[in-house]
Protein backbone atom coordinates (compact mmCIF):
# COMPACT_ATOMS: atom_id res chain seq x y z
CA MET A 1 -7.70 66.36 28.01
CA GLU A 2 -7.29 63.21 30.06
CA TYR A 3 -4.98 60.65 29.32
CA TYR A 4 -5.58 56.78 30.42
CA GLU A 5 -3.01 53.92 29.17
CA THR A 6 -5.81 51.91 27.92
CA ILE A 7 -9.49 52.59 27.65
CA ILE A 8 -11.69 50.25 27.24
CA VAL A 9 -15.61 51.39 25.92
CA GLY A 10 -18.07 48.88 27.55
CA ALA A 11 -18.10 47.87 31.50
CA GLY A 12 -19.14 44.08 30.93
CA PRO A 13 -17.69 40.80 31.58
CA ALA A 14 -14.87 41.05 29.17
CA GLY A 15 -14.01 44.83 29.98
CA SER A 16 -14.35 44.46 33.47
CA THR A 17 -12.12 41.14 33.23
CA CYS A 18 -9.54 43.11 30.49
CA ALA A 19 -9.26 45.99 33.63
CA ARG A 20 -8.97 44.02 36.38
CA LYS A 21 -5.78 42.76 34.94
CA LEU A 22 -4.50 45.90 33.70
CA ALA A 23 -4.83 46.75 37.21
CA GLN A 24 -3.19 43.75 38.39
CA ALA A 25 0.19 44.99 36.70
CA GLY A 26 0.16 48.49 37.60
CA ARG A 27 -1.48 49.89 34.33
CA SER A 28 -3.48 53.36 34.45
CA VAL A 29 -7.13 51.87 33.17
CA LEU A 30 -10.40 53.69 32.20
CA MET A 31 -13.17 51.69 31.45
CA LEU A 32 -16.53 53.77 29.89
CA ASP A 33 -19.45 52.39 29.05
CA LYS A 34 -23.30 54.52 28.22
CA ALA A 35 -25.06 52.67 30.74
CA THR A 36 -25.81 53.71 34.56
CA LEU A 37 -24.17 50.62 36.73
CA PRO A 38 -25.60 48.89 37.89
CA ARG A 39 -28.20 47.96 35.17
CA LEU A 40 -30.59 45.14 34.02
CA LYS A 41 -28.73 42.57 31.39
CA PRO A 42 -31.17 40.89 28.93
CA CYS A 43 -29.02 38.06 28.71
CA ALA A 44 -30.00 34.17 30.10
CA GLY A 45 -27.16 34.86 32.58
CA TRP A 46 -25.24 30.84 32.35
CA VAL A 47 -22.38 30.05 33.36
CA THR A 48 -19.92 27.45 33.31
CA GLY A 49 -17.56 26.08 35.05
CA GLU A 50 -14.86 28.06 32.61
CA VAL A 51 -15.94 30.92 33.57
CA TRP A 52 -15.02 30.35 37.41
CA ARG A 53 -11.81 28.85 36.54
CA ASP A 54 -10.81 32.37 34.40
CA LEU A 55 -11.99 34.22 37.06
CA GLU A 56 -9.50 32.00 39.83
CA VAL A 57 -12.68 31.98 42.10
CA THR A 58 -14.18 29.22 42.92
CA PRO A 59 -18.58 28.89 42.67
CA GLY A 60 -18.38 29.06 46.79
CA GLU A 61 -16.16 32.68 46.79
CA TYR A 62 -18.67 34.21 44.93
CA PRO A 63 -20.59 36.80 47.01
CA HIS A 64 -24.23 36.83 44.82
CA SER A 65 -26.91 34.43 43.97
CA LEU A 66 -26.23 31.21 42.04
CA LEU A 67 -27.83 28.31 41.48
CA LYS A 68 -25.66 25.07 40.47
CA LEU A 69 -28.75 23.76 37.32
CA SER A 70 -29.79 20.27 36.43
CA THR A 71 -30.20 20.64 33.44
CA ARG A 72 -32.88 18.34 30.22
CA LEU A 73 -32.37 19.10 26.52
CA TYR A 74 -35.27 19.19 23.97
CA ILE A 75 -35.02 17.84 20.42
CA ALA A 76 -38.03 18.54 18.28
CA PRO A 77 -40.42 16.47 17.84
CA PHE A 78 -39.73 14.46 20.74
CA PRO A 79 -41.94 16.18 23.35
CA PHE A 80 -39.74 15.12 26.06
CA ALA A 81 -36.25 15.64 27.49
CA LEU A 82 -34.06 13.44 26.13
CA MET A 83 -30.65 13.98 28.58
CA PRO A 84 -29.06 16.61 30.45
CA TRP A 85 -26.78 19.08 29.04
CA PRO A 86 -24.24 17.41 26.86
CA THR A 87 -21.38 20.37 28.24
CA ARG A 88 -18.05 20.83 29.16
CA TRP A 89 -17.92 22.24 31.93
CA ALA A 90 -20.61 22.50 35.33
CA ASN A 91 -23.63 24.74 34.64
CA TYR A 92 -24.83 26.99 37.19
CA SER A 93 -26.76 30.27 36.79
CA ILE A 94 -26.43 33.80 37.92
CA ARG A 95 -28.39 37.37 37.62
CA ARG A 96 -26.61 39.82 35.39
CA ILE A 97 -27.40 43.20 36.99
CA GLU A 98 -25.56 41.49 40.02
CA PHE A 99 -22.47 39.50 38.68
CA ASP A 100 -21.80 42.86 36.46
CA GLN A 101 -21.20 44.78 39.33
CA TRP A 102 -19.19 42.48 41.00
CA LEU A 103 -17.05 41.86 38.13
CA VAL A 104 -16.50 45.95 37.68
CA GLU A 105 -15.69 46.48 41.22
CA ARG A 106 -13.58 43.54 41.75
CA SER A 107 -11.47 44.96 38.72
CA GLY A 108 -10.52 48.26 41.41
CA VAL A 109 -10.92 50.29 37.82
CA ALA A 110 -13.24 53.25 37.98
CA VAL A 111 -16.15 53.11 35.50
CA ARG A 112 -16.97 56.97 33.84
CA GLN A 113 -20.74 56.75 32.21
CA HIS A 114 -20.28 58.21 28.76
CA GLN A 115 -21.75 57.67 25.68
CA VAL A 116 -18.57 57.54 22.80
CA ASN A 117 -19.65 59.16 19.39
CA HIS A 118 -16.39 59.75 17.98
CA ILE A 119 -12.46 58.32 17.93
CA ASP A 120 -9.63 59.69 16.24
CA TYR A 121 -6.53 57.72 16.04
CA GLN A 122 -3.84 60.75 16.13
CA ASN A 123 -0.06 59.74 16.04
CA ASP A 124 -0.22 56.55 18.42
CA THR A 125 -2.90 58.21 20.41
CA TYR A 126 -6.63 57.08 20.41
CA ILE A 127 -8.50 60.34 20.85
CA ILE A 128 -12.17 60.24 22.45
CA ASP A 129 -15.05 63.05 21.56
CA GLY A 130 -12.55 65.31 21.74
CA GLN A 131 -12.00 64.55 26.09
CA LEU A 132 -9.78 61.47 26.16
CA ALA A 133 -6.57 60.02 24.76
CA CYS A 134 -5.08 57.04 25.28
CA THR A 135 -2.51 54.39 23.79
CA TYR A 136 -4.45 51.36 23.86
CA LEU A 137 -8.17 50.79 22.63
CA ILE A 138 -10.49 48.13 23.83
CA GLY A 139 -13.31 48.05 22.03
CA ALA A 140 -16.39 45.83 24.44
CA GLY A 141 -19.55 47.28 23.91
CA GLY A 142 -21.64 44.60 22.02
CA THR A 143 -22.79 44.01 19.28
CA GLY A 144 -23.39 48.12 18.83
CA CYS A 145 -19.65 48.58 20.09
CA PRO A 146 -18.30 52.37 18.23
CA VAL A 147 -14.67 51.10 18.75
CA ARG A 148 -16.29 48.71 16.21
CA ARG A 149 -17.65 50.46 13.79
CA GLN A 150 -15.24 52.95 13.69
CA PHE A 151 -12.03 50.40 13.69
CA PHE A 152 -13.23 47.88 12.16
CA PRO A 153 -15.89 48.29 9.18
CA ARG A 154 -15.79 45.52 7.67
CA GLN A 155 -19.42 43.59 7.29
CA ARG A 156 -19.82 39.92 10.18
CA PRO A 157 -20.87 37.86 8.28
CA PRO A 158 -25.06 37.85 8.02
CA GLU A 159 -25.59 34.53 8.00
CA ASP A 160 -24.05 34.32 12.30
CA GLN A 161 -26.48 37.23 13.70
CA ILE A 162 -28.35 35.62 16.25
CA VAL A 163 -31.89 37.46 17.28
CA ALA A 164 -33.17 36.88 20.49
CA LEU A 165 -36.04 37.82 22.99
CA GLU A 166 -36.09 37.32 26.40
CA LYS A 167 -37.36 38.12 30.42
CA GLU A 168 -36.33 38.04 33.52
CA PHE A 169 -38.44 38.16 36.76
CA TYR A 170 -39.64 36.76 39.51
CA TYR A 171 -41.08 33.49 39.95
CA PRO A 172 -40.93 31.35 42.82
CA ASP A 173 -42.80 29.01 41.90
CA ARG A 174 -40.33 28.06 38.73
CA ASP A 175 -39.21 24.74 38.80
CA GLY A 176 -35.80 23.99 39.27
CA ILE A 177 -34.77 22.17 36.42
CA ALA A 178 -33.08 24.26 33.35
CA ARG A 179 -34.05 23.12 30.28
CA TYR A 180 -32.59 24.25 26.87
CA PHE A 181 -35.75 23.57 23.80
CA LEU A 182 -34.08 23.05 19.82
CA PHE A 183 -36.10 23.70 16.68
CA ASP A 184 -39.43 23.48 17.89
CA ARG A 185 -41.67 24.31 15.27
CA GLY A 186 -39.54 24.55 12.97
CA LEU A 187 -37.13 27.45 14.41
CA ALA A 188 -34.63 27.99 13.15
CA GLY A 189 -32.45 28.38 16.22
CA TYR A 190 -33.46 27.44 20.68
CA SER A 191 -35.18 28.26 23.59
CA TRP A 192 -34.62 28.38 27.18
CA TYR A 193 -36.20 28.16 30.64
CA VAL A 194 -33.00 29.15 33.42
CA PRO A 195 -33.74 28.99 36.60
CA LYS A 196 -31.96 31.26 39.12
CA ALA A 197 -31.64 32.03 43.04
CA ASP A 198 -33.80 34.13 45.01
CA GLY A 199 -37.05 32.33 43.20
CA TYR A 200 -36.02 34.26 39.28
CA LEU A 201 -36.58 33.11 36.32
CA ASN A 202 -34.82 33.58 32.95
CA LEU A 203 -37.08 32.97 29.64
CA GLY A 204 -35.72 33.44 26.10
CA LEU A 205 -35.68 32.56 22.23
CA GLY A 206 -32.86 33.08 19.55
CA GLY A 207 -32.79 32.07 16.33
CA PHE A 208 -30.89 32.91 12.66
CA ASN A 209 -31.81 36.70 11.93
CA ARG A 210 -32.27 34.65 8.02
CA TYR A 211 -34.35 32.55 8.99
CA PHE A 212 -36.85 34.78 10.34
CA GLN A 213 -36.44 37.48 7.23
CA SER A 214 -37.23 34.37 5.23
CA SER A 215 -40.64 32.23 7.17
CA SER A 216 -44.24 33.20 7.84
CA LEU A 217 -43.33 33.35 11.42
CA SER A 218 -41.92 36.61 13.34
CA ILE A 219 -39.82 36.08 16.51
CA HIS A 220 -42.68 37.12 18.43
CA ASP A 221 -44.95 34.42 16.93
CA HIS A 222 -42.32 32.39 17.98
CA PHE A 223 -41.48 33.80 21.39
CA GLN A 224 -45.68 33.22 22.12
CA ALA A 225 -45.83 30.01 20.98
CA PHE A 226 -42.97 29.05 23.26
CA LEU A 227 -45.20 30.73 26.44
CA GLN A 228 -48.13 28.19 25.29
CA ASP A 229 -45.63 25.02 25.50
CA LEU A 230 -44.49 26.13 29.36
CA MET A 231 -48.39 26.52 30.48
CA GLY A 232 -49.24 23.13 28.75
CA ARG A 233 -46.73 22.16 30.57
CA ARG A 234 -47.54 23.67 34.03
CA LEU A 235 -44.03 25.24 33.64
CA LEU A 236 -45.30 29.08 33.54
CA SER A 237 -48.65 30.58 34.97
CA PRO A 238 -51.50 31.88 32.58
CA GLU A 239 -51.39 34.97 34.57
CA VAL A 240 -47.96 35.28 33.80
CA ALA A 241 -47.76 34.53 30.19
CA ASP A 242 -49.98 37.28 29.37
CA GLN A 243 -47.64 40.48 31.54
CA LEU A 244 -44.61 39.45 30.01
CA ARG A 245 -43.04 41.80 27.93
CA PRO A 246 -39.67 40.63 26.34
CA SER A 247 -36.28 42.47 25.24
CA GLY A 248 -34.33 42.06 22.51
CA TYR A 249 -30.70 41.67 21.67
CA SER A 250 -28.67 40.76 19.06
CA TYR A 251 -25.22 38.91 18.98
CA TYR A 252 -22.85 36.71 16.55
CA LEU A 253 -21.24 33.23 16.72
CA ALA A 254 -17.91 32.91 16.67
CA SER A 255 -17.72 32.36 13.06
CA GLY A 256 -13.89 32.90 13.08
CA GLN A 257 -14.19 35.43 10.77
CA GLY A 258 -12.66 39.21 10.86
CA PRO A 259 -9.90 40.73 12.96
CA VAL A 260 -9.83 41.37 16.22
CA LYS A 261 -7.16 43.73 16.82
CA GLN A 262 -5.95 46.94 14.58
CA ASP A 263 -2.86 48.85 15.38
CA ARG A 264 -3.46 49.24 19.06
CA CYS A 265 -7.20 48.51 19.32
CA TRP A 266 -9.14 44.82 20.08
CA LEU A 267 -12.11 43.64 19.95
CA ILE A 268 -13.73 41.57 23.04
CA GLY A 269 -16.87 40.23 24.15
CA ASP A 270 -19.78 40.03 21.88
CA SER A 271 -18.22 43.21 19.91
CA ALA A 272 -16.28 40.71 18.35
CA GLY A 273 -18.76 38.48 18.25
CA LEU A 274 -17.20 34.95 19.73
CA ALA A 275 -20.71 33.26 20.91
CA THR A 276 -20.20 29.39 20.73
CA LEU A 277 -21.20 28.02 18.01
CA ASP A 278 -23.59 25.13 19.48
CA PHE A 279 -24.81 26.41 22.86
CA GLY A 280 -24.88 30.45 21.85
CA GLU A 281 -22.85 30.63 25.07
CA GLY A 282 -21.16 34.15 25.25
CA ILE A 283 -20.02 34.72 28.50
CA SER A 284 -17.13 32.04 29.22
CA PRO A 285 -15.66 33.52 25.53
CA ALA A 286 -16.22 37.36 26.80
CA ILE A 287 -14.46 36.41 29.52
CA LYS A 288 -11.88 34.74 27.61
CA SER A 289 -10.50 37.56 25.42
CA GLY A 290 -10.43 39.85 28.26
CA LEU A 291 -7.88 38.13 29.47
CA LEU A 292 -6.01 37.65 26.11
CA ALA A 293 -6.57 41.27 25.26
CA ALA A 294 -5.05 42.41 28.22
CA GLY A 295 -1.67 39.52 27.95
CA GLU A 296 -1.70 41.10 24.40
CA VAL A 297 -1.40 44.51 25.92
CA LEU A 298 1.01 43.35 28.75
CA GLY A 299 3.05 42.04 26.02
CA ASN A 300 2.48 37.93 27.48
CA THR A 301 -0.23 36.81 24.94
CA VAL A 302 -1.55 36.77 21.65
CA TYR A 303 -5.10 36.94 21.24
CA THR A 304 -6.80 35.64 18.39
CA ARG A 305 -9.84 34.18 17.47
CA GLY A 306 -8.30 30.69 17.21
CA ALA A 307 -7.55 30.66 20.89
CA ILE A 308 -10.94 30.59 21.92
CA PHE A 309 -12.53 27.36 21.69
CA ASN A 310 -15.69 28.24 20.00
CA ARG A 311 -17.83 24.83 21.40
CA SER A 312 -19.62 24.39 24.91
CA LEU A 313 -20.39 20.72 23.80
CA ARG A 314 -18.33 17.96 25.04
CA PRO A 315 -16.41 15.81 22.24
CA GLY A 316 -19.35 13.64 20.10
CA TRP A 317 -21.93 16.04 20.20
CA GLN A 318 -21.25 18.48 17.92
CA TRP A 319 -23.50 16.52 15.49
CA LEU A 320 -26.24 18.35 17.52
CA ARG A 321 -24.90 21.98 15.61
CA GLY A 322 -25.29 20.00 12.47
CA LEU A 323 -29.02 19.39 12.26
CA VAL A 324 -29.34 23.35 12.60
CA PRO A 325 -30.29 25.08 9.09
CA ARG A 326 -28.43 27.50 7.63
CA TYR A 327 -30.04 31.09 5.93
CA SER A 328 -27.59 32.29 3.88
CA GLY A 329 -30.22 34.49 2.14
CA GLY A 330 -29.75 37.58 0.41
CA SER A 331 -28.17 38.15 -3.13
CA GLY A 332 -24.49 38.12 -4.22
CA GLN A 333 -21.68 38.23 -2.51
CA ARG A 334 -20.67 40.66 0.11
CA ARG A 335 -18.05 42.47 -0.58
CA GLU A 336 -14.77 42.50 2.50
CA ASP A 337 -14.50 45.99 2.54
CA GLN A 338 -18.27 47.14 2.48
CA PRO A 339 -18.45 49.08 5.52
CA GLU A 340 -21.10 47.61 8.11
CA PRO A 341 -24.05 49.41 9.24
CA LEU A 342 -25.57 49.37 12.94
CA ALA A 343 -26.97 45.79 13.35
CA ARG A 344 -30.64 45.54 12.26
CA PRO A 345 -31.95 42.62 13.35
CA ASN A 346 -35.54 41.24 12.28
CA PHE A 347 -37.71 42.30 15.41
CA HIS A 348 -41.22 42.41 12.89
């Protein structure tokens, strides 16, 4: 059986950032990921200046495609842009297939393709599928992370679950302005149009799963309506719109509920549910959580949810969040000891 002091399950931005900090301190680290890298990752690819600060690089030092964004915010029912995004930092777009691979290579830590099926905890040691052992275990495998399912079984607040559809593709005729649309056609959520360098474009739409469970419109209905709106604005051609087949995924907003540590095990990134409450920003909180978890392994910091700011907007703009209705739905109170099943977003 192979032993490493720390094993990180998931090689996305949270896992790679955590691995790099531990490796810099001379610790023995291995990353596991179920996918073969580099890999396509459903994500708008929006990063802020805070990301570059936390990674200790400047945008100019990033070696791959990068676009500094000019932004517009739309709030239904107004058909025109009201303002630029009132975010706390400058905004950029990256391609996750490049960004994630760069973070892995920068970490200097090996990544092994491995689907984690079972983890035992015996005598202060974690044993993964009877093959790998470690003293510290980091769950960085996203919403369905196997570390979360096994060691953090309490149900996450269902009212904080977001489901999304998105597609990234080469579209050299794209507009150069990043757009964020709120509440179109009554959607309890948002949609986005994010241009990227080298002629790429990312389109997507996300909303509260509870909304889709109670609405007569499915997420696919909203996505098709969004494409129609973009065609009406001459931001997308009908020929391209007809060919788009989006990917679906799910994540949780940073409600502040649920532990991120148990014994010598931590959750970081989307496995912890850290996306900002107002704009659904995920990459910056993921990177920060990776740094904090590594710091706690090293004995330098304490990682708590409260240590990660859960807003993207500048002070004074949080009223935008208050415009989004909440869909508690369901019946009765959930039990705190109720095991959490795999997320089943409503993609009907």
